[in-house]
Amino acid sequence: MIQNINKINGLINIANKAGYLIIGSDALKGYNKKLYLLLYSLDIGKNTEKIVNAIKFNPNCVIYGIDSIDFCKIVSVPNCKIVGLKNKGISEEIIKYLRGDYIG
């Protein structure tokens, strides 16, 4: 169980409204611009898994697999299994929450 789900969800919503969130495997397939954070549900299909494996070679991108229940709470996008963030600042804040660097 991830702590601070509401705070991560708030950051994801800010990124989405600002246009920094890439939602879904179709949008991420073949994406070759800067990507700083990739979040995916652990119950992804084979096609989405191929996308995750392709992005693993991006040295700037941090990748997190999240339990499907927590992922739904974090992302708040129906039927979404994968999202990418192309904003470094927001990505770093989310990573701190995922690693547990922030308490409360």
C-alpha atoms as a PDB file:
ATOM      1  CA  MET A   1       0.000   0.000   0.000  1.00  0.00           C
ATOM      2  CA  ILE A   2       1.408   3.340  -1.054  1.00  0.00           C
ATOM      3  CA  GLN A   3       1.341   6.166   1.463  1.00  0.00           C
ATOM      4  CA  ASN A   4       0.162   9.647   0.404  1.00  0.00           C
ATOM      5  CA  ILE A   5      -1.995   8.405  -2.487  1.00  0.00           C
ATOM      6  CA  ASN A   6      -4.068  11.598  -2.373  1.00  0.00           C
ATOM      7  CA  LYS A   7      -0.978  13.794  -2.716  1.00  0.00           C
ATOM      8  CA  ILE A   8       0.338  11.742  -5.629  1.00  0.00           C
ATOM      9  CA  ASN A   9      -3.125  11.906  -7.215  1.00  0.00           C
ATOM     10  CA  GLY A  10      -3.096  15.689  -6.819  1.00  0.00           C
ATOM     11  CA  LEU A  11       0.280  15.946  -8.563  1.00  0.00           C
ATOM     12  CA  ILE A  12      -0.930  13.660 -11.366  1.00  0.00           C
ATOM     13  CA  ASN A  13      -4.009  15.871 -11.816  1.00  0.00           C
ATOM     14  CA  ILE A  14      -1.845  18.997 -11.970  1.00  0.00           C
ATOM     15  CA  ALA A  15       0.375  17.345 -14.585  1.00  0.00           C
ATOM     16  CA  ASN A  16      -2.680  16.296 -16.585  1.00  0.00           C
ATOM     17  CA  LYS A  17      -4.217  19.780 -16.563  1.00  0.00           C
ATOM     18  CA  ALA A  18      -0.877  21.321 -17.542  1.00  0.00           C
ATOM     19  CA  GLY A  19      -0.464  18.892 -20.450  1.00  0.00           C
ATOM     20  CA  TYR A  20       2.495  17.004 -18.984  1.00  0.00           C
ATOM     21  CA  LEU A  21       0.758  13.641 -18.643  1.00  0.00           C
ATOM     22  CA  ILE A  22       0.818  11.054 -21.406  1.00  0.00           C
ATOM     23  CA  ILE A  23      -2.072   8.669 -20.878  1.00  0.00           C
ATOM     24  CA  GLY A  24      -2.313   5.153 -22.264  1.00  0.00           C
ATOM     25  CA  SER A  25      -0.210   2.718 -24.198  1.00  0.00           C
ATOM     26  CA  ASP A  26      -1.258   4.091 -27.587  1.00  0.00           C
ATOM     27  CA  ALA A  27       0.088   7.535 -26.704  1.00  0.00           C
ATOM     28  CA  LEU A  28       3.322   6.107 -25.261  1.00  0.00           C
ATOM     29  CA  LYS A  29       3.976   3.668 -28.087  1.00  0.00           C
ATOM     30  CA  GLY A  30       6.921   5.023 -30.028  1.00  0.00           C
ATOM     31  CA  TYR A  31       7.187   8.094 -27.793  1.00  0.00           C
ATOM     32  CA  ASN A  32      10.741   9.379 -28.233  1.00  0.00           C
ATOM     33  CA  LYS A  33      10.749  12.733 -26.438  1.00  0.00           C
ATOM     34  CA  LYS A  34      11.885  13.364 -22.862  1.00  0.00           C
ATOM     35  CA  LEU A  35      10.078  11.267 -20.299  1.00  0.00           C
ATOM     36  CA  TYR A  36      10.943  11.457 -16.609  1.00  0.00           C
ATOM     37  CA  LEU A  37       8.493   9.086 -14.942  1.00  0.00           C
ATOM     38  CA  LEU A  38       6.531   6.065 -16.091  1.00  0.00           C
ATOM     39  CA  LEU A  39       3.828   4.594 -13.865  1.00  0.00           C
ATOM     40  CA  TYR A  40       2.080   1.380 -14.802  1.00  0.00           C
ATOM     41  CA  SER A  41      -0.323  -1.060 -13.226  1.00  0.00           C
ATOM     42  CA  LEU A  42       1.108  -4.477 -12.425  1.00  0.00           C
ATOM     43  CA  ASP A  43      -1.750  -6.170 -14.311  1.00  0.00           C
ATOM     44  CA  ILE A  44      -0.798  -4.851 -17.760  1.00  0.00           C
ATOM     45  CA  GLY A  45      -1.148  -6.823 -20.947  1.00  0.00           C
ATOM     46  CA  LYS A  46       1.583  -8.003 -23.302  1.00  0.00           C
ATOM     47  CA  ASN A  47       1.454  -4.956 -25.585  1.00  0.00           C
ATOM     48  CA  THR A  48       1.775  -2.531 -22.687  1.00  0.00           C
ATOM     49  CA  GLU A  49       4.585  -4.651 -21.256  1.00  0.00           C
ATOM     50  CA  LYS A  50       6.489  -4.211 -24.547  1.00  0.00           C
ATOM     51  CA  ILE A  51       6.176  -0.441 -24.175  1.00  0.00           C
ATOM     52  CA  VAL A  52       7.495  -0.585 -20.590  1.00  0.00           C
ATOM     53  CA  ASN A  53      10.430  -2.717 -21.727  1.00  0.00           C
ATOM     54  CA  ALA A  54      11.241  -0.282 -24.529  1.00  0.00           C
ATOM     55  CA  ILE A  55      11.206   2.704 -22.154  1.00  0.00           C
ATOM     56  CA  LYS A  56      13.479   0.900 -19.662  1.00  0.00           C
ATOM     57  CA  PHE A  57      16.414   1.867 -21.872  1.00  0.00           C
ATOM     58  CA  ASN A  58      15.713   5.581 -21.363  1.00  0.00           C
ATOM     59  CA  PRO A  59      18.313   6.684 -18.781  1.00  0.00           C
ATOM     60  CA  ASN A  60      16.284   9.748 -17.677  1.00  0.00           C
ATOM     61  CA  CYS A  61      13.065   7.858 -16.943  1.00  0.00           C
ATOM     62  CA  VAL A  62      12.207   6.313 -13.582  1.00  0.00           C
ATOM     63  CA  ILE A  63       9.754   3.430 -13.882  1.00  0.00           C
ATOM     64  CA  TYR A  64       7.355   2.281 -11.167  1.00  0.00           C
ATOM     65  CA  GLY A  65       5.017  -0.702 -11.282  1.00  0.00           C
ATOM     66  CA  ILE A  66       2.098  -0.155  -8.934  1.00  0.00           C
ATOM     67  CA  ASP A  67      -0.592  -2.517  -7.623  1.00  0.00           C
ATOM     68  CA  SER A  68      -3.723  -2.127  -9.750  1.00  0.00           C
ATOM     69  CA  ILE A  69      -5.920  -0.903  -6.874  1.00  0.00           C
ATOM     70  CA  ASP A  70      -3.437   1.808  -5.890  1.00  0.00           C
ATOM     71  CA  PHE A  71      -2.840   2.691  -9.546  1.00  0.00           C
ATOM     72  CA  CYS A  72      -6.549   3.385 -10.084  1.00  0.00           C
ATOM     73  CA  LYS A  73      -6.575   5.678  -7.031  1.00  0.00           C
ATOM     74  CA  ILE A  74      -3.429   7.499  -8.120  1.00  0.00           C
ATOM     75  CA  VAL A  75      -4.271   8.090 -11.765  1.00  0.00           C
ATOM     76  CA  SER A  76      -8.081   8.540 -11.635  1.00  0.00           C
ATOM     77  CA  VAL A  77      -8.418   7.727 -15.336  1.00  0.00           C
ATOM     78  CA  PRO A  78     -10.864   4.902 -16.126  1.00  0.00           C
ATOM     79  CA  ASN A  79      -9.378   1.837 -17.840  1.00  0.00           C
ATOM     80  CA  CYS A  80      -5.884   3.328 -17.800  1.00  0.00           C
ATOM     81  CA  LYS A  81      -2.940   1.006 -17.143  1.00  0.00           C
ATOM     82  CA  ILE A  82       0.041   3.243 -17.948  1.00  0.00           C
ATOM     83  CA  VAL A  83       0.958   6.933 -17.787  1.00  0.00           C
ATOM     84  CA  GLY A  84       4.106   8.908 -18.448  1.00  0.00           C
ATOM     85  CA  LEU A  85       5.165  12.303 -17.163  1.00  0.00           C
ATOM     86  CA  LYS A  86       7.219  14.712 -19.209  1.00  0.00           C
ATOM     87  CA  ASN A  87       7.773  17.319 -16.482  1.00  0.00           C
ATOM     88  CA  LYS A  88      10.903  16.836 -14.405  1.00  0.00           C
ATOM     89  CA  GLY A  89       9.783  18.800 -11.323  1.00  0.00           C
ATOM     90  CA  ILE A  90       6.436  17.066 -10.895  1.00  0.00           C
ATOM     91  CA  SER A  91       8.056  13.705 -11.602  1.00  0.00           C
ATOM     92  CA  GLU A  92      10.667  14.248  -8.894  1.00  0.00           C
ATOM     93  CA  GLU A  93       7.975  15.142  -6.344  1.00  0.00           C
ATOM     94  CA  ILE A  94       5.952  12.024  -7.188  1.00  0.00           C
ATOM     95  CA  ILE A  95       9.086   9.873  -6.944  1.00  0.00           C
ATOM     96  CA  LYS A  96       9.772  11.253  -3.453  1.00  0.00           C
ATOM     97  CA  TYR A  97       6.270  10.232  -2.371  1.00  0.00           C
ATOM     98  CA  LEU A  98       6.600   6.795  -3.966  1.00  0.00           C
ATOM     99  CA  ARG A  99       9.940   6.180  -2.242  1.00  0.00           C
ATOM    100  CA  GLY A 100       8.523   7.337   1.082  1.00  0.00           C
ATOM    101  CA  ASP A 101      10.815  10.355   1.426  1.00  0.00           C
ATOM    102  CA  TYR A 102       7.850  12.445   2.566  1.00  0.00           C
ATOM    103  CA  ILE A 103       5.984  11.530   5.716  1.00  0.00           C
ATOM    104  CA  GLY A 104       2.465  12.680   6.562  1.00  0.00           C
END
